[in-house]
Protein backbone atom coordinates (compact mmCIF):
# COMPACT_ATOMS: atom_id res chain seq x y z
CA MET A 1 -26.27 55.41 194.33
CA SER A 2 -29.09 53.43 195.83
CA SER A 3 -28.42 51.15 198.81
CA GLN A 4 -29.25 47.44 198.61
CA GLU A 5 -32.10 47.93 201.20
CA GLU A 6 -33.78 50.55 199.01
CA ILE A 7 -33.63 48.24 195.98
CA LEU A 8 -35.10 45.34 197.85
CA SER A 9 -37.86 47.41 199.29
CA ASP A 10 -38.97 48.47 195.79
CA GLY A 11 -41.89 46.43 194.75
CA ARG A 12 -40.48 45.63 191.36
CA PHE A 13 -37.42 43.83 192.85
CA SER A 14 -38.80 42.49 196.15
CA CYS A 15 -39.04 38.94 194.64
CA VAL A 16 -35.34 38.85 194.22
CA ALA A 17 -34.73 38.69 197.97
CA ARG A 18 -37.07 35.74 198.34
CA ASP A 19 -36.12 33.73 195.19
CA PRO A 20 -33.54 31.05 195.89
CA ARG A 21 -32.18 31.39 192.35
CA PHE A 22 -30.58 34.71 193.34
CA TRP A 23 -29.14 33.58 196.68
CA GLU A 24 -25.47 33.34 197.04
CA MET A 25 -24.12 29.77 197.02
CA PRO A 26 -22.71 28.63 200.43
CA GLU A 27 -18.94 28.27 200.62
CA LYS A 28 -19.14 24.52 201.28
CA GLU A 29 -21.15 23.88 198.18
CA ARG A 30 -19.10 25.94 195.72
CA LYS A 31 -16.45 23.35 195.02
CA VAL A 32 -17.13 20.08 193.31
CA LYS A 33 -16.46 17.15 195.55
CA ILE A 34 -14.23 14.47 194.08
CA ASP A 35 -13.29 11.11 195.55
CA LYS A 36 -9.92 9.60 196.37
CA ARG A 37 -9.38 8.18 192.83
CA PHE A 38 -8.73 11.76 191.58
CA ARG A 39 -6.72 13.14 194.40
CA ALA A 40 -3.53 12.66 192.46
CA MET A 41 -4.43 15.62 190.20
CA PHE A 42 -3.58 18.00 193.03
CA HIS A 43 0.04 17.00 193.17
CA ASP A 44 0.84 14.99 189.99
CA LYS A 45 3.19 16.80 187.59
CA LYS A 46 1.11 15.88 184.64
CA PHE A 47 -1.64 18.18 185.78
CA LYS A 48 0.69 21.11 186.62
CA LEU A 49 1.06 23.89 184.12
CA ARG A 50 2.84 27.21 184.78
CA TYR A 51 1.20 30.27 183.32
CA THR A 52 3.25 33.33 182.34
CA VAL A 53 0.44 35.44 180.88
CA ASP A 54 -3.32 35.47 181.43
CA LYS A 55 -5.94 35.38 178.68
CA ARG A 56 -5.53 39.17 178.00
CA GLY A 57 -1.74 39.01 177.74
CA ARG A 58 -0.93 40.44 181.17
CA PRO A 59 1.96 38.81 182.94
CA VAL A 60 0.95 36.51 185.79
CA ASN A 61 2.71 33.87 187.82
CA TYR A 62 0.49 30.97 188.82
CA THR A 63 -0.09 27.39 188.11
CA SER A 64 -3.00 25.22 186.96
CA THR A 65 -3.03 23.40 190.43
CA GLU A 66 -4.21 26.57 192.03
CA ASN A 67 -7.26 26.66 189.70
CA LEU A 68 -7.90 23.04 190.54
CA LYS A 69 -7.85 23.81 194.27
CA LYS A 70 -10.18 26.69 193.62
CA PHE A 71 -12.87 24.62 191.89
CA TYR A 72 -12.47 21.06 193.34
CA ALA A 73 -12.26 19.58 196.86
CA LEU A 74 -11.82 16.13 198.05
CA SER A 75 -14.89 14.66 199.64
CA GLU A 76 -14.73 14.61 203.43
CA SER A 77 -15.13 10.91 203.72
CA ASP A 78 -12.25 10.37 201.32
CA THR A 79 -9.94 12.83 203.26
CA ASP A 80 -10.42 10.81 206.33
CA LEU A 81 -9.75 7.59 204.40
CA SER A 82 -6.65 9.09 202.81
CA GLU A 83 -5.23 10.10 206.14
CA SER A 84 -5.79 6.63 207.58
CA ASP A 85 -4.42 5.06 204.47
CA SER A 86 -1.26 7.11 204.70
CA LYS A 87 -0.88 6.14 208.41
CA ASP A 88 -1.34 2.46 207.53
CA LEU A 89 1.34 2.70 204.87
CA ALA A 90 3.76 4.39 207.29
CA VAL A 91 3.20 1.62 209.82
CA LYS A 92 3.67 -1.13 207.31
CA LYS A 93 6.97 0.49 206.11
CA LYS A 94 8.25 0.61 209.69
CA LYS A 95 7.36 -3.00 210.22
CA LYS A 96 9.13 -4.02 206.99
CA LYS A 97 12.25 -2.13 208.14
CA LYS A 98 12.20 -3.88 211.50
CA VAL A 99 11.78 -7.29 209.87
CA LYS A 100 14.66 -6.68 207.54
CA GLY A 101 16.89 -5.39 210.33
CA LYS A 102 16.25 -8.58 212.36
CA GLY A 103 16.96 -10.87 209.38
CA GLU A 104 20.20 -9.07 208.61
CA ALA A 105 21.46 -9.31 212.19
CA ASP A 106 21.00 -13.15 212.26
CA SER A 107 23.12 -13.72 209.20
């Protein structure tokens, strides 16, 4: 079997090495970036399906959320926002608990 170098050195196929249409897509660009409005599809039960067989009838054990994670990624700016949003919510909940605790102690 011919090696990759021999094939690329052949004059008939030398343009393949220089043509960007045949380059492998970078790992960062493979997934479609989605924003925070659609982040619920990664953990919502409405989007989760369990598969028992694949398209050829062979038994498998995986869910549709694994496919979603394979093809989609949250945009980086939204992941930063979502982390800060979750921290803000946690702080607000703690403040509400403290306010309720003080009000109950007075009465």
